[in-house]
Amino acid sequence: MVAVLVVLATAAAVVVAVRLREPARAAHAPNIVLLLTDDQRPSQLAHMPQVHALLAAHGITFARGFTPDPLCCPSRISILRGQLSQRTGVWATGGRYGGFAEVHRLGLESSTVATWLHGAGYRTALIGKYLNGYDTPDASWVPPGWDYWRGLTRYDNLDGGGYYDYGISVDGVERRYGSAPSDYSTTVLTGFAHDFITGTPADQPLFMELAYRAPHRPSTPAPRYLHDPRCAGVSTLHEPGFDEADVSDKPLYIQRIPRFSPVTAYQAGVVKPRKTCRALLSVDDSVAEVMHDLAATGRLSNTMVVFMSDNGILFGEHRWQGKKVPYWQSTHVPFIVRFDPMTAARAGTVDDRMVENVDLAPTWAALAGVTPPIPQDGRSLVPLLDGRATSWRSAVLLQGFDAPGAAAYVPGYCGVETASGWVYVHYDAATEPRDQELYDLHRDPGQLHNLAYDPAYAARREALLGLVRTLCVPGPPGFSW
């Protein structure tokens, strides 16, 4: 992880930073912008020079950013409400335990950061991916609190995968997009962001979530980046644990995955990482455009910009391709914050303290001067950003759940990663007989050696089990110890 961030930091040597100048203007409540990617792991920041030059170099990069439940829909509603899955009740991307229909049924949209900030006088915008299944049965629904709604629709099961041949709900009226280069979704969404920023009155604070489809599979690059040489060397073939040979100490759901064939290994470790890298090049361009618009409208000096992903992803480590699992490539995400009034003094630094997606809503509420009307599982990052924090959290809860019959099934789990570098996971004992994992990330960053059944680490395991039992309440649906 640290090596990745060093690569990112040295990118400034080959990239000329764009100087953003803005006209003077009267100060008002801070503007807030969330730039949210879809399935991005921290190492993929290395090929995003504009993110470095315009965000990381002026802000703080949190080397240990987490999504405790590493799956799209649970993570996205956690961001909007500041609550973990055990409180929202959202554990999946569809069906009984998640997806837009379940979020809507549970009434979770009635209180989100959008409703709080809208009530505080902000103009609010959601541009891009909202929640899985949002357009069921149609795209006419605009959730409370959003003044400017451009929600991505009908993208999961089409060949375009949300990059082409998709819809956008324009304040409740669907507009279809085709397969022309100008229809590339990152380009279209960035255009809407430009319209929102430039169209918001100068004396009104704004809140914008710009949620890209990229780099989620099929990870389609824009035409100009289809063969970009900057991504030619990207690969996970030599990552620790890629196509892990001995998984006898892993849970059964991992043991059941066969070793890769040469073709599968190349697809998982070369083709997919390079496609995602090239898809992210357009996101990098988009970041530059958003930052330019903020500067041109005089907002940049009073805007908190957060760049992060909804969850990470594995490209063949432990034989796994995807997310959901409690390995660090899945739970760790890029997490960069630029807010000049607070980060200028520490601009360009890397902070190793543990931050979570649920920290964003209470942070934004604090900036806006509002009190969230619902319980918060996160905490405001303001003390970290302005340097006042003398202590911080010592552990992050990890949790996940798959309904029986889900593709690439993962048993329900509760776990923890500690600030000292230990990861402990307890799986649902009813479905996973080999139900515990324990890793020392300092000695074993690839999570290759499960210490949970090593007598020498019994005391460590029991201590972490006790911690998890206090944090994971209630557990995932039907979870048993």
Protein backbone atom coordinates (compact mmCIF):
# COMPACT_ATOMS: atom_id res chain seq x y z
CA MET A 1 0.00 0.00 0.00
CA VAL A 2 2.74 2.46 0.96
CA ALA A 3 4.64 1.64 -2.24
CA VAL A 4 1.55 2.48 -4.28
CA LEU A 5 1.27 5.88 -2.66
CA VAL A 6 4.98 6.57 -3.26
CA VAL A 7 4.39 5.90 -6.95
CA LEU A 8 1.47 8.31 -6.89
CA ALA A 9 3.50 10.96 -5.13
CA THR A 10 6.33 10.75 -7.66
CA ALA A 11 3.92 11.23 -10.55
CA ALA A 12 4.38 14.96 -10.13
CA ALA A 13 7.85 14.56 -11.63
CA VAL A 14 6.37 13.74 -15.01
CA VAL A 15 3.10 15.66 -14.89
CA VAL A 16 2.83 19.40 -15.09
CA ALA A 17 0.28 20.44 -12.51
CA VAL A 18 -2.52 22.61 -13.80
CA ARG A 19 -2.59 25.97 -12.06
CA LEU A 20 -6.14 26.73 -11.12
CA ARG A 21 -6.88 30.37 -10.46
CA GLU A 22 -10.21 31.69 -9.41
CA PRO A 23 -11.76 35.10 -9.01
CA ALA A 24 -12.15 36.51 -5.52
CA ARG A 25 -15.60 36.07 -4.00
CA ALA A 26 -17.36 36.28 -0.67
CA ALA A 27 -17.09 33.22 1.54
CA HIS A 28 -20.17 31.13 2.31
CA ALA A 29 -20.87 27.64 3.61
CA PRO A 30 -18.35 25.19 2.12
CA ASN A 31 -19.17 23.48 -1.14
CA ILE A 32 -18.87 19.68 -1.15
CA VAL A 33 -18.01 17.43 -4.08
CA LEU A 34 -17.75 13.64 -4.01
CA LEU A 35 -16.01 11.99 -6.97
CA LEU A 36 -16.94 8.32 -6.64
CA THR A 37 -15.55 5.54 -8.81
CA ASP A 38 -16.98 2.03 -9.08
CA ASP A 39 -14.75 -0.93 -8.08
CA GLN A 40 -11.35 0.75 -7.82
CA ARG A 41 -8.45 -0.45 -5.71
CA PRO A 42 -5.87 1.97 -4.31
CA SER A 43 -3.04 0.80 -6.59
CA GLN A 44 -4.97 2.08 -9.59
CA LEU A 45 -4.28 5.66 -8.53
CA ALA A 46 -0.77 5.25 -9.93
CA HIS A 47 -1.96 6.03 -13.47
CA MET A 48 -4.16 9.02 -12.62
CA PRO A 49 -1.82 12.04 -12.81
CA GLN A 50 -4.54 14.68 -12.59
CA VAL A 51 -5.91 13.15 -9.40
CA HIS A 52 -2.43 13.49 -8.00
CA ALA A 53 -1.70 17.00 -9.28
CA LEU A 54 -5.07 18.55 -8.44
CA LEU A 55 -6.20 16.57 -5.40
CA ALA A 56 -3.47 14.60 -3.64
CA ALA A 57 -0.81 17.28 -4.05
CA HIS A 58 -3.14 19.85 -2.42
CA GLY A 59 -4.84 17.57 0.07
CA ILE A 60 -4.39 14.50 2.20
CA THR A 61 -4.25 10.92 0.93
CA PHE A 62 -5.54 8.44 3.48
CA ALA A 63 -3.54 5.27 2.94
CA ARG A 64 -6.08 3.21 4.87
CA GLY A 65 -9.48 4.10 3.46
CA PHE A 66 -12.15 1.44 4.00
CA THR A 67 -15.53 0.27 2.87
CA PRO A 68 -16.51 -2.06 5.72
CA ASP A 69 -19.05 -3.91 3.54
CA PRO A 70 -17.25 -4.05 0.16
CA LEU A 71 -20.19 -4.17 -2.22
CA CYS A 72 -21.81 -1.47 -4.35
CA CYS A 73 -25.28 -0.92 -2.88
CA PRO A 74 -24.42 -1.39 0.80
CA SER A 75 -21.46 0.97 0.43
CA ARG A 76 -23.40 3.66 -1.44
CA ILE A 77 -26.25 3.89 1.05
CA SER A 78 -23.66 3.91 3.86
CA ILE A 79 -22.01 6.93 2.25
CA LEU A 80 -25.31 8.79 2.02
CA ARG A 81 -26.45 8.00 5.58
CA GLY A 82 -23.23 7.54 7.58
CA GLN A 83 -24.41 4.12 8.73
CA LEU A 84 -23.01 0.60 8.49
CA SER A 85 -24.92 -2.26 6.88
CA GLN A 86 -25.89 -3.62 10.29
CA ARG A 87 -27.84 -0.41 10.85
CA THR A 88 -29.23 0.22 7.34
CA GLY A 89 -30.20 -3.42 6.81
CA VAL A 90 -28.79 -3.25 3.26
CA TRP A 91 -26.44 -6.17 2.56
CA ALA A 92 -26.83 -6.97 -1.14
CA THR A 93 -27.32 -5.43 -4.57
CA GLY A 94 -30.82 -6.80 -5.04
CA GLY A 95 -33.54 -9.04 -3.68
CA ARG A 96 -34.65 -9.26 -0.08
CA TYR A 97 -31.51 -7.75 1.40
CA GLY A 98 -30.57 -4.88 -0.88
CA GLY A 99 -30.78 -2.92 -4.08
CA PHE A 100 -32.84 0.18 -4.79
CA ALA A 101 -36.19 -1.53 -4.20
CA GLU A 102 -35.21 -2.59 -0.68
CA VAL A 103 -33.66 0.77 0.16
CA HIS A 104 -36.86 2.42 -1.02
CA ARG A 105 -39.06 -0.03 0.92
CA LEU A 106 -37.10 0.60 4.11
CA GLY A 107 -37.57 4.36 3.72
CA LEU A 108 -33.83 5.02 3.91
CA GLU A 109 -33.98 7.79 1.30
CA SER A 110 -36.01 9.99 3.61
CA SER A 111 -32.90 10.95 5.59
CA THR A 112 -29.60 11.22 3.74
CA VAL A 113 -26.86 13.78 3.44
CA ALA A 114 -28.84 15.15 0.47
CA THR A 115 -31.91 15.91 2.58
CA TRP A 116 -29.78 17.37 5.39
CA LEU A 117 -27.83 19.69 3.11
CA HIS A 118 -30.82 20.63 0.99
CA GLY A 119 -32.53 21.69 4.21
CA ALA A 120 -29.49 23.81 5.04
CA GLY A 121 -29.77 25.76 1.79
CA TYR A 122 -27.49 23.73 -0.43
CA ARG A 123 -28.23 22.99 -4.08
CA THR A 124 -27.72 19.24 -4.42
CA ALA A 125 -26.92 16.95 -7.35
CA LEU A 126 -26.61 13.24 -7.95
CA ILE A 127 -24.93 12.56 -11.29
CA GLY A 128 -24.27 8.97 -12.35
CA LYS A 129 -24.78 5.66 -10.57
CA TYR A 130 -27.21 5.76 -7.66
CA LEU A 131 -28.15 2.29 -6.41
CA ASN A 132 -28.31 -1.07 -8.18
CA GLY A 133 -31.76 -1.54 -9.69
CA TYR A 134 -32.64 2.14 -9.41
CA ASP A 135 -34.70 2.06 -12.62
CA THR A 136 -37.06 -0.69 -11.47
CA PRO A 137 -39.81 -0.37 -12.61
CA ASP A 138 -38.99 2.97 -14.20
CA ALA A 139 -36.72 5.96 -13.83
CA SER A 140 -39.31 8.50 -12.75
CA TRP A 141 -38.42 8.41 -9.05
CA VAL A 142 -36.27 11.27 -7.77
CA PRO A 143 -35.33 10.66 -4.13
CA PRO A 144 -35.89 13.42 -1.56
CA GLY A 145 -33.28 16.11 -1.18
CA TRP A 146 -31.89 16.14 -4.72
CA ASP A 147 -32.36 19.33 -6.74
CA TYR A 148 -30.50 18.15 -9.85
CA TRP A 149 -30.99 14.47 -10.64
CA ARG A 150 -29.09 12.64 -13.37
CA GLY A 151 -29.32 9.01 -12.27
CA LEU A 152 -27.83 6.30 -14.49
CA THR A 153 -30.43 3.73 -15.60
CA ARG A 154 -30.62 0.41 -17.43
CA TYR A 155 -26.96 -0.46 -17.57
CA ASP A 156 -26.28 -3.69 -15.66
CA ASN A 157 -27.45 -6.26 -18.19
CA LEU A 158 -26.65 -4.58 -21.48
CA ASP A 159 -23.53 -5.07 -23.58
CA GLY A 160 -22.57 -1.45 -23.00
CA GLY A 161 -22.27 -2.09 -19.27
CA GLY A 162 -23.04 1.52 -18.41
CA TYR A 163 -20.43 2.96 -20.77
CA TYR A 164 -22.67 2.90 -23.86
CA ASP A 165 -26.34 2.09 -24.51
CA TYR A 166 -27.68 3.29 -21.17
CA GLY A 167 -30.23 5.76 -19.86
CA ILE A 168 -30.12 8.75 -17.58
CA SER A 169 -33.06 9.92 -15.53
CA VAL A 170 -33.10 13.68 -16.05
CA ASP A 171 -35.14 14.82 -13.07
CA GLY A 172 -37.36 11.77 -13.52
CA VAL A 173 -37.56 11.64 -17.33
CA GLU A 174 -35.34 9.01 -18.93
CA ARG A 175 -33.02 10.05 -21.74
CA ARG A 176 -31.38 7.26 -23.75
CA TYR A 177 -27.77 7.25 -24.96
CA GLY A 178 -26.30 5.09 -27.71
CA SER A 179 -22.92 3.87 -28.88
CA ALA A 180 -21.35 6.98 -30.43
CA PRO A 181 -18.06 8.20 -28.93
CA SER A 182 -19.91 11.24 -27.58
CA ASP A 183 -22.22 8.86 -25.63
CA TYR A 184 -19.35 7.49 -23.51
CA SER A 185 -20.80 7.76 -20.03
CA THR A 186 -17.82 9.36 -18.29
CA THR A 187 -17.93 12.15 -20.86
CA VAL A 188 -21.69 12.59 -20.54
CA LEU A 189 -21.66 12.61 -16.74
CA THR A 190 -18.83 15.13 -16.67
CA GLY A 191 -20.88 17.38 -18.95
CA PHE A 192 -23.76 17.28 -16.49
CA ALA A 193 -21.35 18.12 -13.67
CA HIS A 194 -20.18 21.16 -15.65
CA ASP A 195 -23.79 22.30 -16.12
CA PHE A 196 -24.55 21.86 -12.43
CA ILE A 197 -21.48 23.71 -11.16
CA THR A 198 -21.73 26.59 -13.61
CA GLY A 199 -25.52 26.79 -13.24
CA THR A 200 -25.61 27.02 -9.46
CA PRO A 201 -26.02 30.61 -8.18
CA ALA A 202 -22.77 32.10 -6.95
CA ASP A 203 -24.17 32.79 -3.50
CA GLN A 204 -25.57 29.28 -2.97
CA PRO A 205 -23.40 26.40 -1.66
CA LEU A 206 -23.52 23.19 -3.64
CA PHE A 207 -23.25 19.50 -2.89
CA MET A 208 -22.51 17.17 -5.81
CA GLU A 209 -22.00 13.43 -5.98
CA LEU A 210 -20.48 12.56 -9.34
CA ALA A 211 -20.62 8.76 -9.42
CA TYR A 212 -18.83 7.29 -12.41
CA ARG A 213 -19.57 3.87 -13.85
CA ALA A 214 -15.83 3.39 -14.38
CA PRO A 215 -13.89 1.23 -13.89
CA HIS A 216 -16.58 -1.41 -13.18
CA ARG A 217 -16.65 -4.33 -15.61
CA PRO A 218 -16.75 -4.50 -18.59
CA SER A 219 -14.26 -1.65 -17.94
CA THR A 220 -14.63 -0.15 -21.40
CA PRO A 221 -12.09 2.59 -22.15
CA ALA A 222 -12.97 5.65 -24.19
CA PRO A 223 -11.95 5.28 -27.86
CA ARG A 224 -8.89 7.51 -27.46
CA TYR A 225 -7.60 5.33 -24.61
CA LEU A 226 -8.32 1.84 -26.00
CA HIS A 227 -4.62 1.07 -26.43
CA ASP A 228 -3.02 3.74 -24.28
CA PRO A 229 0.60 2.69 -23.62
CA ARG A 230 0.59 4.09 -20.08
CA CYS A 231 -1.31 1.00 -18.96
CA ALA A 232 0.69 -1.53 -21.01
CA GLY A 233 2.68 -2.79 -18.03
CA VAL A 234 -0.21 -3.09 -15.58
CA SER A 235 -0.63 -6.63 -14.24
CA THR A 236 -1.39 -8.56 -11.07
CA LEU A 237 0.31 -11.78 -12.23
CA HIS A 238 3.11 -11.28 -9.74
CA GLU A 239 1.01 -9.97 -6.85
CA PRO A 240 1.24 -12.03 -3.65
CA GLY A 241 -1.52 -14.61 -3.70
CA PHE A 242 -2.35 -14.41 -7.40
CA ASP A 243 -3.82 -17.80 -8.33
CA GLU A 244 -2.75 -18.89 -4.86
CA ALA A 245 -1.31 -22.39 -5.04
CA ASP A 246 -2.07 -23.62 -1.53
CA VAL A 247 -5.43 -22.52 -0.19
CA SER A 248 -5.82 -25.36 2.30
CA ASP A 249 -5.81 -22.82 5.15
CA LYS A 250 -8.49 -20.68 3.50
CA PRO A 251 -12.27 -20.98 3.97
CA LEU A 252 -14.08 -23.56 1.86
CA TYR A 253 -15.57 -21.03 -0.56
CA ILE A 254 -12.00 -20.15 -1.60
CA GLN A 255 -10.84 -23.76 -1.61
CA ARG A 256 -13.59 -24.65 -4.06
CA ILE A 257 -12.20 -22.28 -6.72
CA PRO A 258 -9.93 -24.21 -9.14
CA ARG A 259 -6.47 -23.03 -10.13
CA PHE A 260 -6.44 -20.78 -13.18
CA SER A 261 -5.78 -22.02 -16.67
CA PRO A 262 -3.25 -19.97 -18.67
CA VAL A 263 -6.15 -18.22 -20.42
CA THR A 264 -7.96 -17.45 -17.17
CA ALA A 265 -4.76 -16.21 -15.56
CA TYR A 266 -4.10 -13.85 -18.45
CA GLN A 267 -7.66 -12.52 -18.39
CA ALA A 268 -7.66 -12.02 -14.62
CA GLY A 269 -4.15 -10.70 -14.20
CA VAL A 270 -3.51 -8.78 -17.42
CA VAL A 271 -6.59 -8.03 -19.52
CA LYS A 272 -8.87 -6.86 -16.71
CA PRO A 273 -6.33 -4.68 -14.86
CA ARG A 274 -5.26 -2.99 -18.10
CA LYS A 275 -8.83 -2.32 -19.19
CA THR A 276 -9.68 -0.79 -15.83
CA CYS A 277 -6.53 1.33 -15.97
CA ARG A 278 -7.55 2.69 -19.37
CA ALA A 279 -11.16 3.27 -18.26
CA LEU A 280 -9.82 5.34 -15.37
CA LEU A 281 -7.85 7.62 -17.69
CA SER A 282 -11.14 9.27 -18.67
CA VAL A 283 -12.06 9.65 -15.01
CA ASP A 284 -8.72 11.37 -14.51
CA ASP A 285 -9.61 13.79 -17.30
CA SER A 286 -13.00 14.35 -15.69
CA VAL A 287 -11.39 15.27 -12.37
CA ALA A 288 -9.39 17.97 -14.15
CA GLU A 289 -12.55 19.36 -15.76
CA VAL A 290 -14.47 19.42 -12.48
CA MET A 291 -11.60 21.17 -10.72
CA HIS A 292 -11.36 23.71 -13.54
CA ASP A 293 -15.08 24.45 -13.25
CA LEU A 294 -14.83 24.89 -9.50
CA ALA A 295 -11.97 27.34 -9.96
CA ALA A 296 -13.63 29.21 -12.83
CA THR A 297 -16.73 29.79 -10.72
CA GLY A 298 -14.73 30.97 -7.72
CA ARG A 299 -15.62 27.94 -5.58
CA LEU A 300 -12.44 25.91 -5.38
CA SER A 301 -10.89 27.62 -2.37
CA ASN A 302 -14.03 26.87 -0.36
CA THR A 303 -14.82 23.35 -1.61
CA MET A 304 -14.15 19.99 -0.01
CA VAL A 305 -13.41 17.51 -2.79
CA VAL A 306 -13.33 13.82 -1.89
CA PHE A 307 -12.11 11.17 -4.32
CA MET A 308 -12.85 7.57 -3.41
CA SER A 309 -14.41 4.31 -4.62
CA ASP A 310 -17.43 2.39 -3.40
CA ASN A 311 -15.28 -0.71 -2.85
CA GLY A 312 -12.07 -2.33 -4.01
CA ILE A 313 -11.60 -5.40 -6.19
CA LEU A 314 -9.42 -8.48 -6.61
CA PHE A 315 -7.83 -9.45 -9.91
CA GLY A 316 -7.02 -13.07 -9.16
CA GLU A 317 -5.55 -12.83 -5.67
CA HIS A 318 -6.60 -15.91 -3.66
CA ARG A 319 -8.10 -17.12 -6.97
CA TRP A 320 -10.88 -14.55 -6.51
CA GLN A 321 -12.09 -12.16 -9.21
CA GLY A 322 -14.33 -9.45 -7.86
CA LYS A 323 -15.22 -7.88 -4.53
CA LYS A 324 -17.35 -8.82 -1.48
CA VAL A 325 -14.55 -10.72 0.26
CA PRO A 326 -12.79 -9.48 3.43
CA TYR A 327 -9.31 -9.35 1.87
CA TRP A 328 -7.69 -5.93 1.79
CA GLN A 329 -7.84 -5.52 -2.00
CA SER A 330 -11.63 -5.57 -1.59
CA THR A 331 -12.07 -3.53 1.60
CA HIS A 332 -9.40 -0.86 0.98
CA VAL A 333 -10.25 2.00 -1.38
CA PRO A 334 -8.64 5.20 -2.67
CA PHE A 335 -9.47 8.01 -0.26
CA ILE A 336 -8.21 11.53 -0.97
CA VAL A 337 -9.54 14.76 0.55
CA ARG A 338 -8.76 18.27 -0.62
CA PHE A 339 -10.21 21.17 1.33
CA ASP A 340 -7.81 24.09 1.16
CA PRO A 341 -8.90 25.85 4.39
CA MET A 342 -7.93 22.70 6.31
CA THR A 343 -5.52 20.69 4.14
CA ALA A 344 -3.24 23.40 2.74
CA ALA A 345 -0.88 23.18 5.72
CA ARG A 346 -0.46 19.43 5.16
CA ALA A 347 -0.83 19.43 1.38
CA GLY A 348 0.60 16.38 -0.31
CA THR A 349 0.87 14.27 2.83
CA VAL A 350 -0.12 10.65 3.36
CA ASP A 351 -2.06 9.87 6.54
CA ASP A 352 -2.03 6.28 7.81
CA ARG A 353 -5.01 6.59 10.16
CA MET A 354 -8.07 4.51 9.35
CA VAL A 355 -10.99 6.27 7.68
CA GLU A 356 -14.26 4.82 6.39
CA ASN A 357 -16.99 5.59 3.89
CA VAL A 358 -19.37 6.16 6.83
CA ASP A 359 -17.18 9.08 7.95
CA LEU A 360 -18.21 11.20 4.97
CA ALA A 361 -21.80 12.03 5.95
CA PRO A 362 -20.94 13.28 9.47
CA THR A 363 -18.01 15.23 8.01
CA TRP A 364 -20.22 17.00 5.50
CA ALA A 365 -22.88 17.64 8.11
CA ALA A 366 -20.25 19.26 10.34
CA LEU A 367 -19.06 21.49 7.51
CA ALA A 368 -22.62 22.55 6.75
CA GLY A 369 -23.40 23.20 10.42
CA VAL A 370 -26.19 20.65 10.63
CA THR A 371 -26.79 17.77 13.02
CA PRO A 372 -27.65 14.45 11.36
CA PRO A 373 -31.13 13.44 12.51
CA ILE A 374 -30.22 9.72 12.46
CA PRO A 375 -27.58 7.79 14.45
CA GLN A 376 -24.11 7.90 12.89
CA ASP A 377 -21.63 5.02 12.76
CA GLY A 378 -18.91 7.22 11.28
CA ARG A 379 -17.18 10.23 12.72
CA SER A 380 -16.34 13.63 11.31
CA LEU A 381 -12.95 13.82 9.62
CA VAL A 382 -12.60 17.51 10.45
CA PRO A 383 -10.24 16.91 13.40
CA LEU A 384 -8.00 14.83 11.14
CA LEU A 385 -8.02 17.43 8.40
CA ASP A 386 -7.32 20.45 10.57
CA GLY A 387 -4.75 18.66 12.71
CA ARG A 388 -6.62 18.75 16.03
CA ALA A 389 -7.03 14.98 16.40
CA THR A 390 -4.60 13.52 18.94
CA SER A 391 -6.11 10.03 18.80
CA TRP A 392 -8.24 8.13 16.33
CA ARG A 393 -9.97 4.79 15.88
CA SER A 394 -7.97 1.66 16.56
CA ALA A 395 -9.99 -0.72 14.39
CA VAL A 396 -12.46 -0.90 11.51
CA LEU A 397 -15.33 -3.38 11.40
CA LEU A 398 -15.55 -5.62 8.33
CA GLN A 399 -18.84 -7.26 7.45
CA GLY A 400 -20.58 -8.91 4.52
CA PHE A 401 -23.43 -11.18 3.51
CA ASP A 402 -24.55 -13.11 0.45
CA ALA A 403 -28.06 -14.44 0.13
CA PRO A 404 -28.01 -18.19 -0.61
CA GLY A 405 -27.82 -18.79 -4.33
CA ALA A 406 -25.87 -15.61 -5.08
CA ALA A 407 -23.26 -15.80 -7.82
CA ALA A 408 -19.74 -16.29 -6.43
CA TYR A 409 -21.22 -16.95 -3.02
CA VAL A 410 -19.42 -15.60 0.06
CA PRO A 411 -20.63 -16.75 3.50
CA GLY A 412 -21.75 -14.02 5.87
CA TYR A 413 -18.90 -12.66 7.96
CA CYS A 414 -17.94 -10.27 10.72
CA GLY A 415 -14.35 -9.15 11.07
CA VAL A 416 -11.98 -6.39 11.98
CA GLU A 417 -8.79 -4.76 10.75
CA THR A 418 -6.80 -3.05 13.46
CA ALA A 419 -4.57 -0.01 13.33
CA SER A 420 -1.69 -2.29 14.35
CA GLY A 421 -2.12 -4.35 11.17
CA TRP A 422 -4.08 -7.43 12.22
CA VAL A 423 -7.04 -8.76 10.23
CA TYR A 424 -9.45 -11.21 11.83
CA VAL A 425 -12.59 -12.59 10.16
CA HIS A 426 -15.26 -14.91 11.56
CA TYR A 427 -17.58 -16.49 8.98
CA ASP A 428 -21.11 -17.71 9.59
CA ALA A 429 -20.52 -21.00 11.39
CA ALA A 430 -23.67 -22.52 9.89
CA THR A 431 -22.38 -22.26 6.31
CA GLU A 432 -18.58 -22.15 6.64
CA PRO A 433 -17.11 -24.90 8.84
CA ARG A 434 -13.55 -23.54 8.55
CA ASP A 435 -14.86 -20.30 9.85
CA GLN A 436 -11.96 -18.05 10.89
CA GLU A 437 -9.06 -16.17 9.30
CA LEU A 438 -6.26 -14.27 11.02
CA TYR A 439 -3.45 -12.37 9.29
CA ASP A 440 -0.54 -10.16 10.32
CA LEU A 441 -0.41 -7.62 7.48
CA HIS A 442 3.04 -6.39 8.49
CA ARG A 443 4.64 -9.82 8.04
CA ASP A 444 2.17 -11.19 5.52
CA PRO A 445 0.73 -8.37 3.37
CA GLY A 446 -0.51 -10.86 0.80
CA GLN A 447 -2.67 -12.63 3.42
CA LEU A 448 -1.18 -15.98 2.47
CA HIS A 449 -0.79 -17.58 5.89
CA ASN A 450 -3.94 -17.99 7.97
CA LEU A 451 -2.89 -17.96 11.62
CA ALA A 452 -6.35 -18.56 13.09
CA TYR A 453 -5.63 -22.22 13.85
CA ASP A 454 -2.03 -21.78 14.94
CA PRO A 455 -1.84 -22.35 18.74
CA ALA A 456 0.85 -19.69 18.99
CA TYR A 457 -1.75 -17.06 18.02
CA ALA A 458 -4.69 -18.37 20.05
CA ALA A 459 -4.64 -15.43 22.46
CA ARG A 460 -4.55 -12.93 19.62
CA ARG A 461 -7.44 -14.68 17.88
CA GLU A 462 -9.56 -14.75 21.04
CA ALA A 463 -8.91 -11.08 21.76
CA LEU A 464 -9.94 -10.07 18.25
CA LEU A 465 -12.96 -12.37 18.35
CA GLY A 466 -14.06 -10.56 21.51
CA LEU A 467 -13.65 -7.21 19.78
CA VAL A 468 -15.62 -8.34 16.74
CA ARG A 469 -18.44 -9.63 18.94
CA THR A 470 -18.80 -6.17 20.48
CA LEU A 471 -18.72 -4.36 17.13
CA CYS A 472 -20.78 -6.60 14.85
CA VAL A 473 -24.17 -6.18 16.52
CA PRO A 474 -26.42 -7.18 14.97
CA GLY A 475 -24.57 -9.49 12.63
CA PRO A 476 -25.52 -10.22 9.01
CA PRO A 477 -28.90 -11.93 8.44
CA GLY A 478 -28.96 -15.36 10.09
CA PHE A 479 -25.36 -15.05 11.24
CA SER A 480 -24.19 -17.48 13.90
CA TRP A 481 -20.92 -17.63 15.80
